[in-house]
Amino acid sequence: SLHDALPIYENKNVLLHKVARKIFEEATAASLGGTFNVIISFHLKQKFGKDPYEVLIDNPRTFNDGLKEVLGEGAEAVINLVGTFLTIKYDVDCTAEEFVKLFVESSPLSARKLSEIFRSIVTQEEQKLKTA
């Protein structure tokens, strides 16, 4: 589960990066295979010089541009896949189309909305652990 590896004192943003990575892994594994995310993450890390999921949370537009460089037109399909996965698995106030838009628009508002989505996933995972 998401929380097994997370020390209590860990910074909230680091938690969001980990959740974002996990969601991307889970969302792409079923249709694109388990190694897909490993390869993409490797290329994006080379490009950004840091954890790509940190970039995703802090600057979704930059993440999207990097993904486009690596995948070309497939980038939007991948983000759509992740958005669809989110709406099916979690109670998020966002359609797959809106999720894609958050990566294309370059605004502080879209970065905040994205952080809120991942934060709500953290909360939902924590609830599951409490009721388990």
N, C-alpha and C. Protein backbone atom coordinates (compact mmCIF):
# COMPACT_ATOMS: atom_id res chain seq x y z
N SER A 1 0.83 -1.19 0.00
CA SER A 1 0.00 0.00 0.00
C SER A 1 0.88 1.25 0.00
N LEU A 2 0.25 2.36 -0.31
CA LEU A 2 0.97 3.63 -0.42
C LEU A 2 1.70 4.00 0.85
N HIS A 3 1.14 3.59 2.00
CA HIS A 3 1.63 4.11 3.26
C HIS A 3 2.73 3.29 3.91
N ASP A 4 2.98 2.09 3.42
CA ASP A 4 3.95 1.21 4.07
C ASP A 4 5.31 1.85 4.21
N ALA A 5 5.74 2.55 3.17
CA ALA A 5 7.11 3.07 3.15
C ALA A 5 7.22 4.51 3.64
N LEU A 6 6.15 5.03 4.21
CA LEU A 6 6.16 6.46 4.51
C LEU A 6 6.30 6.78 5.99
N PRO A 7 7.44 7.34 6.37
CA PRO A 7 7.59 7.78 7.77
C PRO A 7 6.60 8.90 8.08
N ILE A 8 6.18 8.96 9.31
CA ILE A 8 5.18 9.93 9.74
C ILE A 8 5.64 11.38 9.50
N TYR A 9 6.93 11.64 9.76
CA TYR A 9 7.43 13.02 9.72
C TYR A 9 7.59 13.54 8.30
N GLU A 10 7.37 12.68 7.31
CA GLU A 10 7.68 13.07 5.94
C GLU A 10 6.83 14.25 5.47
N ASN A 11 7.50 15.12 4.79
CA ASN A 11 6.90 16.31 4.22
C ASN A 11 5.72 15.93 3.30
N LYS A 12 4.63 16.68 3.43
CA LYS A 12 3.40 16.41 2.66
C LYS A 12 3.65 16.38 1.16
N ASN A 13 4.50 17.27 0.66
CA ASN A 13 4.75 17.29 -0.78
C ASN A 13 5.44 16.03 -1.26
N VAL A 14 6.36 15.53 -0.45
CA VAL A 14 7.05 14.29 -0.81
C VAL A 14 6.03 13.17 -0.91
N LEU A 15 5.07 13.18 0.01
CA LEU A 15 3.99 12.19 -0.02
C LEU A 15 3.20 12.32 -1.33
N LEU A 16 2.91 13.54 -1.74
CA LEU A 16 2.18 13.75 -3.00
C LEU A 16 2.97 13.24 -4.19
N HIS A 17 4.30 13.45 -4.19
CA HIS A 17 5.12 12.94 -5.30
C HIS A 17 5.00 11.43 -5.37
N LYS A 18 5.06 10.79 -4.20
CA LYS A 18 5.00 9.32 -4.16
C LYS A 18 3.64 8.81 -4.62
N VAL A 19 2.60 9.50 -4.21
CA VAL A 19 1.25 9.11 -4.63
C VAL A 19 1.11 9.28 -6.14
N ALA A 20 1.60 10.40 -6.66
CA ALA A 20 1.53 10.65 -8.10
C ALA A 20 2.26 9.54 -8.87
N ARG A 21 3.44 9.15 -8.39
CA ARG A 21 4.20 8.09 -9.05
C ARG A 21 3.42 6.78 -9.03
N LYS A 22 2.88 6.46 -7.85
CA LYS A 22 2.14 5.21 -7.68
C LYS A 22 0.91 5.15 -8.59
N ILE A 23 0.20 6.27 -8.68
CA ILE A 23 -0.99 6.35 -9.53
C ILE A 23 -0.60 6.17 -11.00
N PHE A 24 0.48 6.84 -11.43
CA PHE A 24 0.94 6.69 -12.80
C PHE A 24 1.34 5.24 -13.08
N GLU A 25 2.04 4.61 -12.13
CA GLU A 25 2.44 3.21 -12.29
C GLU A 25 1.23 2.31 -12.44
N GLU A 26 0.29 2.45 -11.50
CA GLU A 26 -0.89 1.58 -11.52
C GLU A 26 -1.73 1.81 -12.76
N ALA A 27 -1.91 3.07 -13.13
CA ALA A 27 -2.78 3.40 -14.26
C ALA A 27 -2.22 2.89 -15.59
N THR A 28 -0.89 2.91 -15.74
CA THR A 28 -0.30 2.53 -17.02
C THR A 28 0.05 1.04 -17.10
N ALA A 29 0.26 0.40 -15.95
CA ALA A 29 0.71 -1.00 -15.94
C ALA A 29 -0.25 -1.93 -16.68
N ALA A 30 -1.54 -1.78 -16.42
CA ALA A 30 -2.53 -2.70 -17.00
C ALA A 30 -2.51 -2.69 -18.53
N SER A 31 -2.47 -1.50 -19.13
CA SER A 31 -2.56 -1.46 -20.59
C SER A 31 -1.21 -1.33 -21.29
N LEU A 32 -0.22 -0.77 -20.59
CA LEU A 32 1.06 -0.51 -21.26
C LEU A 32 2.21 -1.36 -20.72
N GLY A 33 1.93 -2.14 -19.69
CA GLY A 33 2.98 -3.01 -19.13
C GLY A 33 3.73 -2.34 -17.99
N GLY A 34 4.28 -3.17 -17.12
CA GLY A 34 4.95 -2.69 -15.91
C GLY A 34 6.20 -1.88 -16.15
N THR A 35 6.89 -2.15 -17.25
CA THR A 35 8.15 -1.44 -17.49
C THR A 35 7.94 -0.05 -18.09
N PHE A 36 6.75 0.19 -18.60
CA PHE A 36 6.47 1.49 -19.23
C PHE A 36 6.85 2.65 -18.33
N ASN A 37 6.35 2.60 -17.10
CA ASN A 37 6.58 3.70 -16.17
C ASN A 37 8.05 3.85 -15.80
N VAL A 38 8.73 2.72 -15.69
CA VAL A 38 10.17 2.74 -15.37
C VAL A 38 10.93 3.51 -16.46
N ILE A 39 10.62 3.18 -17.70
CA ILE A 39 11.30 3.81 -18.85
C ILE A 39 10.97 5.30 -18.92
N ILE A 40 9.69 5.64 -18.81
CA ILE A 40 9.27 7.03 -18.86
C ILE A 40 9.91 7.84 -17.73
N SER A 41 9.85 7.25 -16.52
CA SER A 41 10.44 7.95 -15.37
C SER A 41 11.93 8.20 -15.56
N PHE A 42 12.62 7.20 -16.11
CA PHE A 42 14.05 7.34 -16.38
C PHE A 42 14.32 8.50 -17.33
N HIS A 43 13.59 8.53 -18.45
CA HIS A 43 13.80 9.60 -19.44
C HIS A 43 13.45 10.98 -18.87
N LEU A 44 12.37 11.05 -18.11
CA LEU A 44 11.96 12.34 -17.54
C LEU A 44 12.94 12.80 -16.47
N LYS A 45 13.47 11.85 -15.72
CA LYS A 45 14.45 12.22 -14.68
C LYS A 45 15.71 12.78 -15.34
N GLN A 46 16.14 12.17 -16.44
CA GLN A 46 17.30 12.68 -17.19
C GLN A 46 17.02 14.11 -17.67
N LYS A 47 15.81 14.30 -18.17
CA LYS A 47 15.43 15.57 -18.75
C LYS A 47 15.33 16.68 -17.68
N PHE A 48 14.65 16.38 -16.58
CA PHE A 48 14.39 17.39 -15.55
C PHE A 48 15.54 17.52 -14.55
N GLY A 49 16.36 16.49 -14.43
CA GLY A 49 17.43 16.50 -13.44
C GLY A 49 16.92 16.30 -12.02
N LYS A 50 15.67 15.88 -11.89
CA LYS A 50 15.12 15.54 -10.57
C LYS A 50 13.90 14.64 -10.74
N ASP A 51 13.34 14.23 -9.62
CA ASP A 51 12.19 13.34 -9.64
C ASP A 51 11.07 13.94 -10.51
N PRO A 52 10.68 13.23 -11.58
CA PRO A 52 9.65 13.77 -12.46
C PRO A 52 8.30 14.00 -11.76
N TYR A 53 8.06 13.25 -10.70
CA TYR A 53 6.76 13.40 -10.02
C TYR A 53 6.73 14.63 -9.11
N GLU A 54 7.93 15.10 -8.77
CA GLU A 54 8.06 16.37 -8.09
C GLU A 54 7.66 17.48 -9.08
N VAL A 55 8.13 17.34 -10.31
CA VAL A 55 7.79 18.29 -11.36
C VAL A 55 6.28 18.25 -11.63
N LEU A 56 5.72 17.04 -11.66
CA LEU A 56 4.29 16.88 -11.91
C LEU A 56 3.47 17.69 -10.90
N ILE A 57 3.83 17.58 -9.63
CA ILE A 57 3.08 18.28 -8.58
C ILE A 57 3.35 19.79 -8.62
N ASP A 58 4.61 20.18 -8.81
CA ASP A 58 4.97 21.60 -8.76
C ASP A 58 4.64 22.35 -10.04
N ASN A 59 4.79 21.67 -11.17
CA ASN A 59 4.58 22.33 -12.45
C ASN A 59 4.07 21.35 -13.51
N PRO A 60 2.76 21.07 -13.47
CA PRO A 60 2.17 20.06 -14.37
C PRO A 60 2.46 20.33 -15.85
N ARG A 61 2.49 21.62 -16.22
CA ARG A 61 2.72 21.96 -17.63
C ARG A 61 4.12 21.50 -18.08
N THR A 62 5.11 21.73 -17.24
CA THR A 62 6.48 21.31 -17.55
C THR A 62 6.55 19.79 -17.67
N PHE A 63 5.85 19.10 -16.74
CA PHE A 63 5.79 17.63 -16.79
C PHE A 63 5.20 17.18 -18.13
N ASN A 64 4.09 17.83 -18.50
CA ASN A 64 3.41 17.49 -19.75
C ASN A 64 4.31 17.71 -20.96
N ASP A 65 5.02 18.84 -20.98
CA ASP A 65 5.93 19.13 -22.09
C ASP A 65 7.03 18.08 -22.18
N GLY A 66 7.56 17.67 -21.02
CA GLY A 66 8.59 16.64 -20.99
C GLY A 66 8.05 15.31 -21.48
N LEU A 67 6.84 14.98 -21.06
CA LEU A 67 6.20 13.74 -21.49
C LEU A 67 5.99 13.74 -23.00
N LYS A 68 5.63 14.90 -23.54
CA LYS A 68 5.44 15.04 -24.99
C LYS A 68 6.74 14.81 -25.74
N GLU A 69 7.84 15.31 -25.18
CA GLU A 69 9.14 15.12 -25.83
C GLU A 69 9.50 13.64 -25.89
N VAL A 70 9.14 12.91 -24.83
CA VAL A 70 9.47 11.49 -24.77
C VAL A 70 8.48 10.65 -25.60
N LEU A 71 7.20 10.99 -25.54
CA LEU A 71 6.16 10.14 -26.14
C LEU A 71 5.49 10.71 -27.38
N GLY A 72 5.77 11.98 -27.70
CA GLY A 72 5.07 12.60 -28.82
C GLY A 72 3.59 12.70 -28.52
N GLU A 73 2.77 12.38 -29.52
CA GLU A 73 1.32 12.53 -29.39
C GLU A 73 0.73 11.58 -28.34
N GLY A 74 1.48 10.56 -27.98
CA GLY A 74 0.99 9.60 -26.99
C GLY A 74 0.88 10.17 -25.58
N ALA A 75 1.50 11.33 -25.36
CA ALA A 75 1.52 11.91 -24.02
C ALA A 75 0.12 12.18 -23.48
N GLU A 76 -0.71 12.75 -24.34
CA GLU A 76 -2.08 13.08 -23.89
C GLU A 76 -2.86 11.80 -23.58
N ALA A 77 -2.66 10.77 -24.39
CA ALA A 77 -3.35 9.49 -24.17
C ALA A 77 -2.97 8.91 -22.81
N VAL A 78 -1.69 9.03 -22.45
CA VAL A 78 -1.22 8.50 -21.16
C VAL A 78 -1.85 9.28 -20.01
N ILE A 79 -1.88 10.60 -20.12
CA ILE A 79 -2.47 11.41 -19.06
C ILE A 79 -3.98 11.14 -18.96
N ASN A 80 -4.61 10.94 -20.10
CA ASN A 80 -6.03 10.59 -20.13
C ASN A 80 -6.27 9.24 -19.43
N LEU A 81 -5.38 8.30 -19.69
CA LEU A 81 -5.45 6.98 -19.07
C LEU A 81 -5.38 7.11 -17.54
N VAL A 82 -4.45 7.94 -17.08
CA VAL A 82 -4.27 8.16 -15.65
C VAL A 82 -5.53 8.83 -15.07
N GLY A 83 -6.05 9.83 -15.79
CA GLY A 83 -7.27 10.52 -15.35
C GLY A 83 -8.45 9.57 -15.25
N THR A 84 -8.58 8.69 -16.23
CA THR A 84 -9.66 7.70 -16.22
C THR A 84 -9.52 6.76 -15.04
N PHE A 85 -8.31 6.29 -14.82
CA PHE A 85 -8.01 5.40 -13.69
C PHE A 85 -8.41 6.06 -12.36
N LEU A 86 -8.05 7.32 -12.22
CA LEU A 86 -8.38 8.07 -11.00
C LEU A 86 -9.87 8.15 -10.75
N THR A 87 -10.62 8.47 -11.82
CA THR A 87 -12.06 8.66 -11.65
C THR A 87 -12.75 7.33 -11.35
N ILE A 88 -12.19 6.23 -11.80
CA ILE A 88 -12.77 4.92 -11.51
C ILE A 88 -12.42 4.45 -10.11
N LYS A 89 -11.16 4.61 -9.73
CA LYS A 89 -10.69 4.04 -8.47
C LYS A 89 -10.96 4.94 -7.26
N TYR A 90 -10.98 6.25 -7.48
CA TYR A 90 -11.12 7.18 -6.36
C TYR A 90 -12.27 8.14 -6.58
N ASP A 91 -12.71 8.71 -5.49
CA ASP A 91 -13.77 9.70 -5.56
C ASP A 91 -13.10 11.06 -5.75
N VAL A 92 -12.83 11.41 -6.99
CA VAL A 92 -12.19 12.71 -7.25
C VAL A 92 -13.14 13.60 -8.03
N ASP A 93 -13.08 14.87 -7.72
CA ASP A 93 -13.99 15.82 -8.33
C ASP A 93 -13.39 16.31 -9.65
N CYS A 94 -13.31 15.40 -10.62
CA CYS A 94 -12.59 15.72 -11.86
C CYS A 94 -12.83 14.61 -12.88
N THR A 95 -13.18 14.98 -14.10
CA THR A 95 -13.30 13.97 -15.16
C THR A 95 -11.91 13.75 -15.78
N ALA A 96 -11.78 12.71 -16.58
CA ALA A 96 -10.51 12.44 -17.26
C ALA A 96 -10.12 13.63 -18.14
N GLU A 97 -11.12 14.22 -18.81
CA GLU A 97 -10.85 15.37 -19.70
C GLU A 97 -10.33 16.56 -18.90
N GLU A 98 -10.96 16.80 -17.75
CA GLU A 98 -10.52 17.91 -16.90
C GLU A 98 -9.10 17.65 -16.38
N PHE A 99 -8.82 16.39 -16.07
CA PHE A 99 -7.50 16.00 -15.60
C PHE A 99 -6.44 16.34 -16.65
N VAL A 100 -6.71 15.99 -17.91
CA VAL A 100 -5.79 16.30 -19.01
C VAL A 100 -5.58 17.80 -19.12
N LYS A 101 -6.68 18.56 -19.00
CA LYS A 101 -6.61 20.02 -19.11
C LYS A 101 -5.68 20.63 -18.06
N LEU A 102 -5.64 20.04 -16.87
CA LEU A 102 -4.79 20.56 -15.80
C LEU A 102 -3.31 20.53 -16.20
N PHE A 103 -2.96 19.61 -17.08
CA PHE A 103 -1.56 19.50 -17.52
C PHE A 103 -1.24 20.45 -18.67
N VAL A 104 -2.27 20.83 -19.40
CA VAL A 104 -2.05 21.67 -20.58
C VAL A 104 -2.06 23.15 -20.21
N GLU A 105 -2.96 23.51 -19.28
CA GLU A 105 -3.02 24.90 -18.85
C GLU A 105 -1.81 25.20 -17.99
N SER A 106 -1.26 26.36 -18.18
CA SER A 106 -0.12 26.72 -17.36
C SER A 106 -0.54 27.75 -16.34
N SER A 107 -1.18 27.28 -15.26
CA SER A 107 -1.61 28.24 -14.26
C SER A 107 -1.38 27.68 -12.86
N PRO A 108 -1.12 28.57 -11.91
CA PRO A 108 -0.96 28.11 -10.52
C PRO A 108 -2.22 27.40 -10.04
N LEU A 109 -3.36 27.80 -10.59
CA LEU A 109 -4.63 27.19 -10.21
C LEU A 109 -4.67 25.71 -10.58
N SER A 110 -4.18 25.37 -11.78
CA SER A 110 -4.21 23.98 -12.19
C SER A 110 -3.25 23.13 -11.36
N ALA A 111 -2.11 23.70 -10.99
CA ALA A 111 -1.18 22.98 -10.11
C ALA A 111 -1.82 22.74 -8.75
N ARG A 112 -2.55 23.74 -8.25
CA ARG A 112 -3.21 23.59 -6.95
C ARG A 112 -4.30 22.53 -7.01
N LYS A 113 -5.09 22.57 -8.09
CA LYS A 113 -6.17 21.60 -8.26
C LYS A 113 -5.60 20.17 -8.32
N LEU A 114 -4.49 20.02 -9.03
CA LEU A 114 -3.85 18.71 -9.14
C LEU A 114 -3.37 18.22 -7.78
N SER A 115 -2.75 19.11 -7.02
CA SER A 115 -2.32 18.77 -5.66
C SER A 115 -3.50 18.36 -4.80
N GLU A 116 -4.61 19.06 -4.96
CA GLU A 116 -5.82 18.72 -4.20
C GLU A 116 -6.31 17.32 -4.55
N ILE A 117 -6.27 16.98 -5.83
CA ILE A 117 -6.70 15.65 -6.27
C ILE A 117 -5.84 14.58 -5.60
N PHE A 118 -4.51 14.75 -5.67
CA PHE A 118 -3.62 13.76 -5.07
C PHE A 118 -3.75 13.73 -3.55
N ARG A 119 -4.01 14.90 -2.95
CA ARG A 119 -4.20 14.96 -1.51
C ARG A 119 -5.46 14.19 -1.10
N SER A 120 -6.51 14.31 -1.91
CA SER A 120 -7.75 13.60 -1.59
C SER A 120 -7.54 12.09 -1.71
N ILE A 121 -6.66 11.67 -2.62
CA ILE A 121 -6.35 10.25 -2.75
C ILE A 121 -5.62 9.75 -1.51
N VAL A 122 -4.69 10.56 -1.01
CA VAL A 122 -3.98 10.21 0.24
C VAL A 122 -5.01 10.00 1.35
N THR A 123 -5.94 10.93 1.48
CA THR A 123 -6.97 10.85 2.51
C THR A 123 -7.81 9.59 2.35
N GLN A 124 -8.21 9.30 1.11
CA GLN A 124 -9.02 8.10 0.87
C GLN A 124 -8.26 6.82 1.20
N GLU A 125 -6.96 6.80 0.87
CA GLU A 125 -6.14 5.63 1.22
C GLU A 125 -6.03 5.48 2.74
N GLU A 126 -5.88 6.61 3.43
CA GLU A 126 -5.78 6.57 4.89
C GLU A 126 -7.08 6.05 5.50
N GLN A 127 -8.21 6.46 4.95
CA GLN A 127 -9.52 5.98 5.43
C GLN A 127 -9.62 4.47 5.27
N LYS A 128 -9.17 3.98 4.12
CA LYS A 128 -9.21 2.54 3.86
C LYS A 128 -8.42 1.78 4.90
N LEU A 129 -7.25 2.34 5.25
CA LEU A 129 -6.40 1.67 6.26
C LEU A 129 -7.09 1.63 7.63
N LYS A 130 -7.79 2.72 7.94
CA LYS A 130 -8.47 2.80 9.24
C LYS A 130 -9.63 1.80 9.33
N THR A 131 -10.31 1.59 8.22
CA THR A 131 -11.47 0.69 8.26
C THR A 131 -11.09 -0.76 7.99
N ALA A 132 -9.86 -0.97 7.54
CA ALA A 132 -9.43 -2.33 7.19
C ALA A 132 -9.30 -3.19 8.45
